[in-house]
């Protein structure tokens, strides 16, 4: 392997870990899913995130980011779609009732989690940064891009499962209706706190 490719690995690994350990829409939704549905039922959500981010990452590497520079109105449209969806999910989480068979709160499917990455502002910022900072020029562009793709699909998993586990650790307490209500409100509010990053 080219020495230049090896040199980017430590910084890339650290970037991936920090990016997925810090709060963001995906992590808040994963913690909520871990609490309500457990680790096994949250695995499709994890797989959807990985597929969605990989597709988005490849699209950015192929030049999708340049489209927004030429047509900024598309960026504005995505911004408002993302904001609306996050507000909707926040309300859905905050208002869900414990053990209510009529509740429409379900684990996020592979397809839903995958499509969410297209409007997830943190996914965009992480992948645009990675595609700019951790790719090399010339003949090393695609080899370094491939390393980035592999890194995002492996080095981000510890942070992903940390958030699911945090949710799982409080799952037994959700039997208490008051705790359940407060937890749902907290998750809904935390998801809302990710809104400012959309408009930065």
N, C-alpha and C. Protein backbone atom coordinates (compact mmCIF):
# COMPACT_ATOMS: atom_id res chain seq x y z
N UNK A 1 0.85 -1.20 0.00
CA UNK A 1 0.00 0.00 0.00
C UNK A 1 0.88 1.24 0.00
N UNK A 2 0.46 2.24 -0.76
CA UNK A 2 1.20 3.49 -0.83
C UNK A 2 1.30 4.14 0.55
N UNK A 3 2.51 4.61 0.96
CA UNK A 3 2.68 5.23 2.28
C UNK A 3 1.74 6.41 2.52
N UNK A 4 1.42 7.14 1.46
CA UNK A 4 0.52 8.29 1.61
C UNK A 4 -0.87 7.85 2.07
N UNK A 5 -1.29 6.66 1.64
CA UNK A 5 -2.59 6.15 2.05
C UNK A 5 -2.57 5.74 3.52
N UNK A 6 -1.46 5.17 3.95
CA UNK A 6 -1.34 4.78 5.36
C UNK A 6 -1.33 5.99 6.28
N UNK A 7 -0.79 7.10 5.80
CA UNK A 7 -0.68 8.29 6.64
C UNK A 7 -2.03 8.90 7.00
N UNK A 8 -3.04 8.69 6.15
CA UNK A 8 -4.35 9.29 6.44
C UNK A 8 -5.17 8.45 7.41
N UNK A 9 -4.77 7.19 7.64
CA UNK A 9 -5.59 6.29 8.44
C UNK A 9 -5.81 6.74 9.89
N UNK A 10 -4.76 7.15 10.65
CA UNK A 10 -5.01 7.53 12.05
C UNK A 10 -6.01 8.69 12.19
N UNK A 11 -5.81 9.73 11.38
CA UNK A 11 -6.72 10.88 11.46
C UNK A 11 -8.12 10.51 10.99
N UNK A 12 -8.21 9.67 9.97
CA UNK A 12 -9.52 9.23 9.46
C UNK A 12 -10.25 8.41 10.51
N UNK A 13 -9.53 7.50 11.18
CA UNK A 13 -10.15 6.67 12.22
C UNK A 13 -10.67 7.54 13.35
N UNK A 14 -9.87 8.51 13.77
CA UNK A 14 -10.29 9.41 14.86
C UNK A 14 -11.51 10.22 14.43
N UNK A 15 -11.51 10.71 13.19
CA UNK A 15 -12.64 11.48 12.68
C UNK A 15 -13.92 10.65 12.71
N UNK A 16 -13.83 9.40 12.25
CA UNK A 16 -15.00 8.52 12.23
C UNK A 16 -15.54 8.28 13.64
N UNK A 17 -14.65 8.01 14.58
CA UNK A 17 -15.06 7.74 15.96
C UNK A 17 -15.73 8.96 16.59
N UNK A 18 -15.08 10.12 16.45
CA UNK A 18 -15.63 11.34 17.06
C UNK A 18 -16.97 11.70 16.42
N UNK A 19 -17.05 11.56 15.11
CA UNK A 19 -18.27 11.92 14.38
C UNK A 19 -19.46 11.07 14.82
N UNK A 20 -19.22 9.79 15.15
CA UNK A 20 -20.35 8.93 15.52
C UNK A 20 -20.56 8.84 17.02
N UNK A 21 -19.63 9.33 17.82
CA UNK A 21 -19.85 9.35 19.27
C UNK A 21 -20.63 10.58 19.71
N UNK A 22 -20.55 11.65 18.92
CA UNK A 22 -21.24 12.89 19.27
C UNK A 22 -22.72 12.81 18.87
N UNK A 23 -23.59 13.53 19.61
CA UNK A 23 -25.03 13.47 19.30
C UNK A 23 -25.35 13.96 17.90
N UNK A 24 -26.34 13.36 17.32
CA UNK A 24 -26.84 13.75 16.01
C UNK A 24 -28.17 13.04 15.80
N UNK A 25 -28.89 13.36 14.73
CA UNK A 25 -30.19 12.72 14.51
C UNK A 25 -30.13 11.19 14.52
N UNK A 26 -29.14 10.60 13.82
CA UNK A 26 -29.05 9.14 13.81
C UNK A 26 -28.87 8.58 15.22
N UNK A 27 -27.97 9.18 15.99
CA UNK A 27 -27.66 8.65 17.32
C UNK A 27 -28.84 8.77 18.28
N UNK A 28 -29.56 9.87 18.22
CA UNK A 28 -30.73 10.05 19.09
C UNK A 28 -31.80 9.01 18.72
N UNK A 29 -32.02 8.81 17.42
CA UNK A 29 -33.00 7.82 16.98
C UNK A 29 -32.58 6.40 17.34
N UNK A 30 -31.28 6.12 17.28
CA UNK A 30 -30.79 4.79 17.66
C UNK A 30 -30.96 4.53 19.15
N UNK A 31 -30.66 5.56 19.97
CA UNK A 31 -30.84 5.40 21.42
C UNK A 31 -32.31 5.17 21.75
N UNK A 32 -33.18 5.90 21.09
CA UNK A 32 -34.61 5.74 21.31
C UNK A 32 -35.07 4.34 20.88
N UNK A 33 -34.57 3.88 19.74
CA UNK A 33 -34.93 2.54 19.26
C UNK A 33 -34.39 1.46 20.18
N UNK A 34 -33.16 1.63 20.66
CA UNK A 34 -32.59 0.66 21.59
C UNK A 34 -33.40 0.55 22.86
N UNK A 35 -33.91 1.69 23.34
CA UNK A 35 -34.71 1.71 24.57
C UNK A 35 -36.06 1.02 24.38
N UNK A 36 -36.72 1.29 23.27
CA UNK A 36 -38.07 0.79 23.05
C UNK A 36 -38.14 -0.59 22.42
N UNK A 37 -37.17 -0.92 21.58
CA UNK A 37 -37.29 -2.16 20.81
C UNK A 37 -36.13 -3.13 21.02
N UNK A 38 -35.06 -2.70 21.67
CA UNK A 38 -33.92 -3.57 21.92
C UNK A 38 -32.92 -3.56 20.78
N UNK A 39 -31.80 -4.20 21.01
CA UNK A 39 -30.70 -4.18 20.04
C UNK A 39 -31.06 -4.93 18.76
N UNK A 40 -31.62 -6.14 18.89
CA UNK A 40 -31.89 -6.97 17.70
C UNK A 40 -32.84 -6.28 16.73
N UNK A 41 -33.93 -5.68 17.26
CA UNK A 41 -34.90 -5.04 16.38
C UNK A 41 -34.39 -3.71 15.82
N UNK A 42 -33.28 -3.21 16.38
CA UNK A 42 -32.69 -1.96 15.88
C UNK A 42 -31.67 -2.23 14.77
N UNK A 43 -31.29 -3.50 14.58
CA UNK A 43 -30.27 -3.82 13.57
C UNK A 43 -30.66 -3.41 12.14
N UNK A 44 -31.95 -3.55 11.71
CA UNK A 44 -32.30 -3.03 10.39
C UNK A 44 -32.06 -1.53 10.26
N UNK A 45 -32.30 -0.80 11.35
CA UNK A 45 -32.04 0.64 11.38
C UNK A 45 -30.55 0.90 11.14
N UNK A 46 -29.69 0.13 11.83
CA UNK A 46 -28.24 0.27 11.67
C UNK A 46 -27.83 -0.03 10.23
N UNK A 47 -28.36 -1.11 9.68
CA UNK A 47 -28.03 -1.50 8.30
C UNK A 47 -28.48 -0.43 7.31
N UNK A 48 -29.67 0.13 7.55
CA UNK A 48 -30.17 1.20 6.68
C UNK A 48 -29.28 2.42 6.71
N UNK A 49 -28.78 2.78 7.90
CA UNK A 49 -27.87 3.93 8.01
C UNK A 49 -26.60 3.67 7.20
N UNK A 50 -26.06 2.47 7.36
CA UNK A 50 -24.81 2.15 6.66
C UNK A 50 -25.00 2.16 5.14
N UNK A 51 -26.10 1.57 4.66
CA UNK A 51 -26.35 1.56 3.21
C UNK A 51 -26.58 2.98 2.71
N UNK A 52 -27.42 3.73 3.42
CA UNK A 52 -27.73 5.09 3.01
C UNK A 52 -26.50 5.98 2.99
N UNK A 53 -25.66 5.87 4.02
CA UNK A 53 -24.46 6.71 4.07
C UNK A 53 -23.45 6.30 3.01
N UNK A 54 -23.37 5.01 2.70
CA UNK A 54 -22.46 4.55 1.66
C UNK A 54 -22.88 5.09 0.29
N UNK A 55 -24.17 4.98 0.00
CA UNK A 55 -24.68 5.51 -1.28
C UNK A 55 -24.44 7.01 -1.36
N UNK A 56 -24.74 7.73 -0.28
CA UNK A 56 -24.53 9.17 -0.25
C UNK A 56 -23.05 9.51 -0.39
N UNK A 57 -22.20 8.77 0.28
CA UNK A 57 -20.75 8.99 0.22
C UNK A 57 -20.24 8.83 -1.22
N UNK A 58 -20.67 7.77 -1.89
CA UNK A 58 -20.26 7.53 -3.27
C UNK A 58 -20.77 8.65 -4.17
N UNK A 59 -22.03 9.07 -3.94
CA UNK A 59 -22.60 10.15 -4.75
C UNK A 59 -21.81 11.45 -4.58
N UNK A 60 -21.40 11.74 -3.35
CA UNK A 60 -20.60 12.95 -3.10
C UNK A 60 -19.24 12.83 -3.79
N UNK A 61 -18.62 11.66 -3.71
CA UNK A 61 -17.34 11.44 -4.38
C UNK A 61 -17.46 11.61 -5.89
N UNK A 62 -18.62 11.27 -6.42
CA UNK A 62 -18.85 11.39 -7.87
C UNK A 62 -19.24 12.81 -8.29
N UNK A 63 -19.41 13.69 -7.29
CA UNK A 63 -19.65 15.09 -7.62
C UNK A 63 -21.00 15.64 -7.27
N UNK A 64 -21.80 14.91 -6.48
CA UNK A 64 -23.13 15.42 -6.12
C UNK A 64 -23.05 16.75 -5.38
N UNK A 65 -22.01 16.90 -4.55
CA UNK A 65 -21.88 18.15 -3.80
C UNK A 65 -21.78 19.36 -4.70
N UNK A 66 -21.24 19.16 -5.91
CA UNK A 66 -21.11 20.29 -6.84
C UNK A 66 -22.46 20.76 -7.36
N UNK A 67 -23.44 19.85 -7.39
CA UNK A 67 -24.77 20.22 -7.88
C UNK A 67 -25.37 21.33 -7.02
N UNK A 68 -25.18 21.22 -5.69
CA UNK A 68 -25.74 22.22 -4.79
C UNK A 68 -25.07 23.58 -4.98
N UNK A 69 -23.81 23.58 -5.44
CA UNK A 69 -23.14 24.86 -5.70
C UNK A 69 -23.75 25.54 -6.92
N UNK A 70 -24.16 24.74 -7.89
CA UNK A 70 -24.75 25.31 -9.11
C UNK A 70 -26.23 25.63 -8.94
N UNK A 71 -26.94 24.83 -8.14
CA UNK A 71 -28.37 25.05 -7.91
C UNK A 71 -28.64 25.10 -6.40
N UNK A 72 -28.32 26.21 -5.75
CA UNK A 72 -28.49 26.32 -4.30
C UNK A 72 -29.93 26.14 -3.83
N UNK A 73 -30.90 26.35 -4.73
CA UNK A 73 -32.29 26.17 -4.34
C UNK A 73 -32.56 24.72 -3.94
N UNK A 74 -31.84 23.77 -4.56
CA UNK A 74 -31.99 22.36 -4.18
C UNK A 74 -31.51 22.12 -2.75
N UNK A 75 -30.44 22.82 -2.38
CA UNK A 75 -29.93 22.70 -1.01
C UNK A 75 -30.97 23.23 -0.02
N UNK A 76 -31.58 24.37 -0.36
CA UNK A 76 -32.62 24.95 0.50
C UNK A 76 -33.80 23.99 0.63
N UNK A 77 -34.18 23.35 -0.47
CA UNK A 77 -35.30 22.41 -0.45
C UNK A 77 -35.00 21.24 0.48
N UNK A 78 -33.80 20.66 0.36
CA UNK A 78 -33.40 19.56 1.23
C UNK A 78 -33.37 20.00 2.69
N UNK A 79 -32.95 21.22 2.93
CA UNK A 79 -32.87 21.74 4.30
C UNK A 79 -34.25 21.76 4.95
N UNK A 80 -35.25 22.26 4.22
CA UNK A 80 -36.59 22.36 4.80
C UNK A 80 -37.26 20.98 4.92
N UNK A 81 -36.98 20.09 3.99
CA UNK A 81 -37.49 18.71 4.10
C UNK A 81 -36.91 18.05 5.35
N UNK A 82 -35.61 18.22 5.54
CA UNK A 82 -34.95 17.64 6.72
C UNK A 82 -35.51 18.21 8.01
N UNK A 83 -35.67 19.52 8.06
CA UNK A 83 -36.21 20.17 9.26
C UNK A 83 -37.61 19.67 9.56
N UNK A 84 -38.45 19.58 8.53
CA UNK A 84 -39.82 19.12 8.72
C UNK A 84 -39.87 17.68 9.21
N UNK A 85 -39.01 16.83 8.66
CA UNK A 85 -39.01 15.43 9.06
C UNK A 85 -38.53 15.27 10.50
N UNK A 86 -37.52 16.04 10.88
CA UNK A 86 -37.01 15.96 12.25
C UNK A 86 -38.06 16.45 13.25
N UNK A 87 -38.77 17.50 12.92
CA UNK A 87 -39.85 17.98 13.79
C UNK A 87 -40.94 16.90 13.91
N UNK A 88 -41.29 16.28 12.79
CA UNK A 88 -42.30 15.21 12.79
C UNK A 88 -41.85 14.05 13.66
N UNK A 89 -40.59 13.59 13.49
CA UNK A 89 -40.09 12.47 14.28
C UNK A 89 -40.02 12.83 15.76
N UNK A 90 -39.64 14.07 16.07
CA UNK A 90 -39.57 14.52 17.46
C UNK A 90 -40.94 14.44 18.12
N UNK A 91 -41.96 14.92 17.43
CA UNK A 91 -43.32 14.88 17.97
C UNK A 91 -43.81 13.44 18.11
N UNK A 92 -43.49 12.61 17.12
CA UNK A 92 -43.91 11.21 17.14
C UNK A 92 -43.31 10.48 18.34
N UNK A 93 -42.04 10.74 18.61
CA UNK A 93 -41.35 10.12 19.75
C UNK A 93 -41.88 10.67 21.06
N UNK A 94 -41.98 11.99 21.16
CA UNK A 94 -42.38 12.62 22.42
C UNK A 94 -43.79 12.23 22.84
N UNK A 95 -44.68 12.04 21.89
CA UNK A 95 -46.09 11.81 22.20
C UNK A 95 -46.48 10.33 22.22
N UNK A 96 -45.53 9.44 21.93
CA UNK A 96 -45.87 8.02 21.94
C UNK A 96 -46.16 7.55 23.36
N UNK A 97 -47.12 6.65 23.48
CA UNK A 97 -47.57 6.19 24.80
C UNK A 97 -47.03 4.79 25.09
N UNK A 98 -46.77 4.47 26.35
CA UNK A 98 -46.24 3.15 26.68
C UNK A 98 -47.26 2.04 26.46
N UNK A 99 -46.80 0.96 25.85
CA UNK A 99 -47.61 -0.25 25.67
C UNK A 99 -48.95 0.04 25.00
N UNK A 100 -48.93 0.97 24.09
CA UNK A 100 -50.16 1.32 23.37
C UNK A 100 -50.15 0.60 22.03
N UNK A 101 -50.99 -0.43 21.85
CA UNK A 101 -50.98 -1.18 20.58
C UNK A 101 -51.35 -0.32 19.39
N UNK A 102 -52.01 0.80 19.64
CA UNK A 102 -52.39 1.69 18.55
C UNK A 102 -51.28 2.69 18.21
N UNK A 103 -50.22 2.68 19.03
CA UNK A 103 -49.12 3.61 18.78
C UNK A 103 -48.47 3.29 17.43
N UNK A 104 -48.17 4.34 16.66
CA UNK A 104 -47.54 4.13 15.36
C UNK A 104 -46.03 4.20 15.44
N UNK A 105 -45.48 4.18 16.66
CA UNK A 105 -44.03 4.17 16.83
C UNK A 105 -43.51 2.76 16.61
N UNK A 106 -42.72 2.58 15.57
CA UNK A 106 -42.15 1.28 15.21
C UNK A 106 -40.66 1.45 14.98
N UNK A 107 -39.90 0.35 15.05
CA UNK A 107 -38.47 0.47 14.70
C UNK A 107 -38.34 0.96 13.27
N UNK A 108 -37.33 1.78 13.03
CA UNK A 108 -37.11 2.28 11.69
C UNK A 108 -36.65 1.12 10.80
N UNK A 109 -37.23 1.03 9.61
CA UNK A 109 -36.87 -0.04 8.68
C UNK A 109 -35.56 0.30 7.96
N UNK A 110 -35.03 -0.70 7.26
CA UNK A 110 -33.81 -0.47 6.46
C UNK A 110 -34.05 0.66 5.47
N UNK A 111 -35.19 0.60 4.77
CA UNK A 111 -35.48 1.60 3.74
C UNK A 111 -35.63 2.99 4.35
N UNK A 112 -36.35 3.11 5.47
CA UNK A 112 -36.55 4.41 6.10
C UNK A 112 -35.23 5.00 6.58
N UNK A 113 -34.40 4.18 7.23
CA UNK A 113 -33.11 4.67 7.72
C UNK A 113 -32.19 5.04 6.56
N UNK A 114 -32.26 4.27 5.49
CA UNK A 114 -31.44 4.55 4.31
C UNK A 114 -31.83 5.88 3.68
N UNK A 115 -33.14 6.10 3.48
CA UNK A 115 -33.61 7.33 2.86
C UNK A 115 -33.39 8.55 3.75
N UNK A 116 -33.41 8.34 5.07
CA UNK A 116 -33.21 9.45 6.00
C UNK A 116 -31.83 10.08 5.83
N UNK A 117 -30.84 9.29 5.40
CA UNK A 117 -29.49 9.83 5.26
C UNK A 117 -29.43 10.92 4.18
N UNK A 118 -30.32 10.85 3.21
CA UNK A 118 -30.32 11.86 2.14
C UNK A 118 -30.66 13.25 2.66
N UNK A 119 -31.40 13.31 3.79
CA UNK A 119 -31.77 14.61 4.34
C UNK A 119 -31.17 14.84 5.72
N UNK A 120 -30.31 13.92 6.17
CA UNK A 120 -29.70 14.06 7.49
C UNK A 120 -28.52 15.03 7.39
N UNK A 121 -28.60 16.19 8.03
CA UNK A 121 -27.54 17.20 7.89
C UNK A 121 -26.20 16.73 8.42
N UNK A 122 -26.21 15.91 9.49
CA UNK A 122 -24.93 15.45 10.03
C UNK A 122 -24.26 14.47 9.07
N UNK A 123 -25.04 13.62 8.41
CA UNK A 123 -24.47 12.71 7.42
C UNK A 123 -23.80 13.48 6.30
N UNK A 124 -24.50 14.50 5.81
CA UNK A 124 -23.93 15.33 4.74
C UNK A 124 -22.63 15.99 5.17
N UNK A 125 -22.64 16.63 6.37
CA UNK A 125 -21.46 17.36 6.81
C UNK A 125 -20.28 16.41 7.03
N UNK A 126 -20.54 15.24 7.63
CA UNK A 126 -19.48 14.25 7.86
C UNK A 126 -18.87 13.78 6.54
N UNK A 127 -19.73 13.45 5.59
CA UNK A 127 -19.25 12.84 4.36
C UNK A 127 -18.62 13.85 3.41
N UNK A 128 -19.15 15.07 3.39
CA UNK A 128 -18.51 16.11 2.57
C UNK A 128 -17.13 16.42 3.13
N UNK A 129 -17.03 16.50 4.47
CA UNK A 129 -15.73 16.75 5.10
C UNK A 129 -14.75 15.62 4.79
N UNK A 130 -15.20 14.38 4.98
CA UNK A 130 -14.33 13.22 4.71
C UNK A 130 -13.89 13.18 3.26
N UNK A 131 -14.81 13.49 2.35
CA UNK A 131 -14.50 13.45 0.92
C UNK A 131 -13.53 14.55 0.51
N UNK A 132 -13.50 15.63 1.29
CA UNK A 132 -12.60 16.74 0.99
C UNK A 132 -11.24 16.57 1.66
N UNK A 133 -11.26 16.19 2.93
CA UNK A 133 -10.04 16.17 3.73
C UNK A 133 -9.24 14.89 3.57
N UNK A 134 -9.93 13.74 3.45
CA UNK A 134 -9.24 12.45 3.51
C UNK A 134 -9.10 11.76 2.16
N UNK A 135 -9.29 12.51 1.08
CA UNK A 135 -8.99 11.95 -0.24
C UNK A 135 -7.77 12.64 -0.80
N UNK A 136 -6.96 11.88 -1.51
CA UNK A 136 -5.73 12.40 -2.10
C UNK A 136 -5.96 12.72 -3.57
N UNK A 137 -5.08 13.48 -4.13
CA UNK A 137 -5.25 13.91 -5.52
C UNK A 137 -4.64 12.89 -6.49
N UNK A 138 -4.96 13.11 -7.74
CA UNK A 138 -4.37 12.31 -8.81
C UNK A 138 -4.78 10.84 -8.77
N UNK A 139 -3.81 9.97 -9.03
CA UNK A 139 -4.09 8.54 -9.09
C UNK A 139 -4.50 7.94 -7.75
N UNK A 140 -4.24 8.66 -6.66
CA UNK A 140 -4.56 8.15 -5.33
C UNK A 140 -5.96 8.55 -4.87
N UNK A 141 -6.70 9.28 -5.73
CA UNK A 141 -8.03 9.74 -5.30
C UNK A 141 -8.94 8.57 -4.97
N UNK A 142 -9.14 7.65 -5.91
CA UNK A 142 -10.08 6.55 -5.66
C UNK A 142 -9.57 5.53 -4.65
N UNK A 143 -8.27 5.21 -4.60
CA UNK A 143 -7.80 4.37 -3.49
C UNK A 143 -8.05 4.99 -2.12
N UNK A 144 -7.80 6.30 -2.00
CA UNK A 144 -8.06 6.96 -0.71
C UNK A 144 -9.55 7.07 -0.43
N UNK A 145 -10.35 7.25 -1.49
CA UNK A 145 -11.81 7.29 -1.32
C UNK A 145 -12.33 5.93 -0.86
N UNK A 146 -11.76 4.86 -1.38
CA UNK A 146 -12.15 3.51 -0.97
C UNK A 146 -11.82 3.28 0.51
N UNK A 147 -10.68 3.77 0.95
CA UNK A 147 -10.30 3.65 2.36
C UNK A 147 -11.31 4.40 3.23
N UNK A 148 -11.74 5.57 2.78
CA UNK A 148 -12.75 6.35 3.52
C UNK A 148 -14.06 5.58 3.62
N UNK A 149 -14.47 4.97 2.52
CA UNK A 149 -15.71 4.19 2.52
C UNK A 149 -15.63 3.02 3.50
N UNK A 150 -14.51 2.32 3.49
CA UNK A 150 -14.33 1.20 4.41
C UNK A 150 -14.31 1.69 5.85
N UNK A 151 -13.62 2.80 6.09
CA UNK A 151 -13.52 3.35 7.44
C UNK A 151 -14.89 3.71 7.99
N UNK A 152 -15.72 4.35 7.18
CA UNK A 152 -17.04 4.77 7.66
C UNK A 152 -17.96 3.58 7.93
N UNK A 153 -17.69 2.46 7.30
CA UNK A 153 -18.54 1.29 7.51
C UNK A 153 -18.01 0.34 8.58
N UNK A 154 -16.86 0.66 9.14
CA UNK A 154 -16.30 -0.18 10.21
C UNK A 154 -16.03 0.62 11.48
N UNK A 155 -15.35 1.74 11.34
CA UNK A 155 -14.91 2.51 12.50
C UNK A 155 -16.04 3.30 13.16
N UNK A 156 -17.16 3.41 12.49
CA UNK A 156 -18.31 4.10 13.08
C UNK A 156 -19.19 3.17 13.90
N UNK A 157 -18.99 1.86 13.77
CA UNK A 157 -19.86 0.91 14.47
C UNK A 157 -19.78 0.98 15.99
N UNK A 158 -18.59 1.18 16.59
CA UNK A 158 -18.57 1.30 18.06
C UNK A 158 -19.47 2.42 18.59
N UNK A 159 -19.43 3.57 17.94
CA UNK A 159 -20.29 4.68 18.35
C UNK A 159 -21.76 4.36 18.15
N UNK A 160 -22.07 3.71 17.04
CA UNK A 160 -23.45 3.32 16.75
C UNK A 160 -24.01 2.43 17.85
N UNK A 161 -23.27 1.39 18.20
CA UNK A 161 -23.77 0.44 19.21
C UNK A 161 -23.70 1.01 20.62
N UNK A 162 -22.83 2.01 20.83
CA UNK A 162 -22.82 2.69 22.12
C UNK A 162 -24.16 3.38 22.36
N UNK A 163 -24.67 4.07 21.33
CA UNK A 163 -25.94 4.79 21.47
C UNK A 163 -27.11 3.82 21.64
N UNK A 164 -27.10 2.72 20.91
CA UNK A 164 -28.16 1.72 21.07
C UNK A 164 -28.12 1.15 22.49
N UNK A 165 -26.92 0.88 22.98
CA UNK A 165 -26.77 0.32 24.33
C UNK A 165 -27.22 1.28 25.40
N UNK A 166 -26.94 2.57 25.21
CA UNK A 166 -27.42 3.58 26.15
C UNK A 166 -28.94 3.50 26.26
N UNK A 167 -29.59 3.38 25.11
CA UNK A 167 -31.05 3.23 25.12
C UNK A 167 -31.49 1.94 25.79
N UNK A 168 -30.79 0.86 25.47
CA UNK A 168 -31.15 -0.45 26.02
C UNK A 168 -31.04 -0.47 27.55
N UNK A 169 -30.06 0.26 28.08
CA UNK A 169 -29.83 0.27 29.53
C UNK A 169 -31.00 0.87 30.31
N UNK A 170 -31.78 1.72 29.65
CA UNK A 170 -32.92 2.32 30.37
C UNK A 170 -34.24 1.64 30.02
N UNK A 171 -34.18 0.58 29.20
CA UNK A 171 -35.41 -0.03 28.69
C UNK A 171 -36.31 -0.56 29.81
N UNK A 172 -35.72 -1.16 30.85
CA UNK A 172 -36.55 -1.71 31.93
C UNK A 172 -37.29 -0.61 32.68
N UNK A 173 -36.68 0.55 32.77
CA UNK A 173 -37.32 1.67 33.47
C UNK A 173 -38.53 2.21 32.71
N UNK A 174 -38.61 1.85 31.42
CA UNK A 174 -39.73 2.33 30.61
C UNK A 174 -41.05 1.69 31.03
N UNK A 175 -40.98 0.65 31.88
CA UNK A 175 -42.22 0.06 32.40
C UNK A 175 -42.96 1.05 33.29
N UNK A 176 -42.22 2.00 33.85
CA UNK A 176 -42.82 3.05 34.67
C UNK A 176 -43.39 4.12 33.74
N UNK A 177 -44.72 4.33 33.76
CA UNK A 177 -45.34 5.27 32.81
C UNK A 177 -44.77 6.68 32.89
N UNK A 178 -44.43 7.13 34.10
CA UNK A 178 -43.90 8.50 34.26
C UNK A 178 -42.51 8.58 33.63
N UNK A 179 -41.67 7.56 33.92
CA UNK A 179 -40.33 7.54 33.33
C UNK A 179 -40.43 7.45 31.81
N UNK A 180 -41.36 6.62 31.34
CA UNK A 180 -41.54 6.45 29.89
C UNK A 180 -41.91 7.78 29.23
N UNK A 181 -42.85 8.48 29.84
CA UNK A 181 -43.26 9.77 29.29
C UNK A 181 -42.10 10.76 29.27
N UNK A 182 -41.38 10.83 30.40
CA UNK A 182 -40.26 11.78 30.49
C UNK A 182 -39.14 11.41 29.52
N UNK A 183 -38.88 10.11 29.39
CA UNK A 183 -37.84 9.66 28.47
C UNK A 183 -38.19 10.02 27.02
N UNK A 184 -39.45 9.78 26.65
CA UNK A 184 -39.87 10.11 25.29
C UNK A 184 -39.78 11.61 25.01
N UNK A 185 -40.19 12.40 26.00
CA UNK A 185 -40.07 13.86 25.83
C UNK A 185 -38.61 14.27 25.70
N UNK A 186 -37.74 13.67 26.51
CA UNK A 186 -36.31 13.99 26.43
C UNK A 186 -35.74 13.62 25.06
N UNK A 187 -36.08 12.42 24.56
CA UNK A 187 -35.59 12.00 23.24
C UNK A 187 -36.12 12.93 22.14
N UNK A 188 -37.39 13.29 22.25
CA UNK A 188 -37.97 14.20 21.26
C UNK A 188 -37.28 15.55 21.27
N UNK A 189 -37.01 16.07 22.49
CA UNK A 189 -36.34 17.38 22.60
C UNK A 189 -34.90 17.31 22.13
N UNK A 190 -34.21 16.21 22.45
CA UNK A 190 -32.83 16.05 21.98
C UNK A 190 -32.76 16.00 20.46
N UNK A 191 -33.74 15.34 19.87
CA UNK A 191 -33.77 15.30 18.41
C UNK A 191 -33.99 16.70 17.84
N UNK A 192 -34.83 17.49 18.51
CA UNK A 192 -35.06 18.87 18.06
C UNK A 192 -33.79 19.72 18.16
N UNK A 193 -32.94 19.41 19.14
CA UNK A 193 -31.72 20.22 19.30
C UNK A 193 -30.75 20.03 18.13
N UNK A 194 -31.00 19.02 17.28
CA UNK A 194 -30.14 18.84 16.12
C UNK A 194 -30.56 19.77 14.97
N UNK A 195 -31.71 20.43 15.11
CA UNK A 195 -32.19 21.31 14.03
C UNK A 195 -31.21 22.43 13.66
N UNK A 196 -30.59 23.10 14.65
CA UNK A 196 -29.68 24.21 14.26
C UNK A 196 -28.59 23.82 13.29
N UNK A 197 -28.07 22.58 13.39
CA UNK A 197 -26.99 22.18 12.49
C UNK A 197 -27.46 22.14 11.03
N UNK A 198 -28.76 22.03 10.83
CA UNK A 198 -29.28 22.02 9.45
C UNK A 198 -29.06 23.37 8.79
N UNK A 199 -29.19 24.45 9.58
CA UNK A 199 -29.18 25.78 9.01
C UNK A 199 -27.82 26.46 9.12
N UNK A 200 -26.81 25.74 9.63
CA UNK A 200 -25.45 26.30 9.72
C UNK A 200 -24.74 26.17 8.39
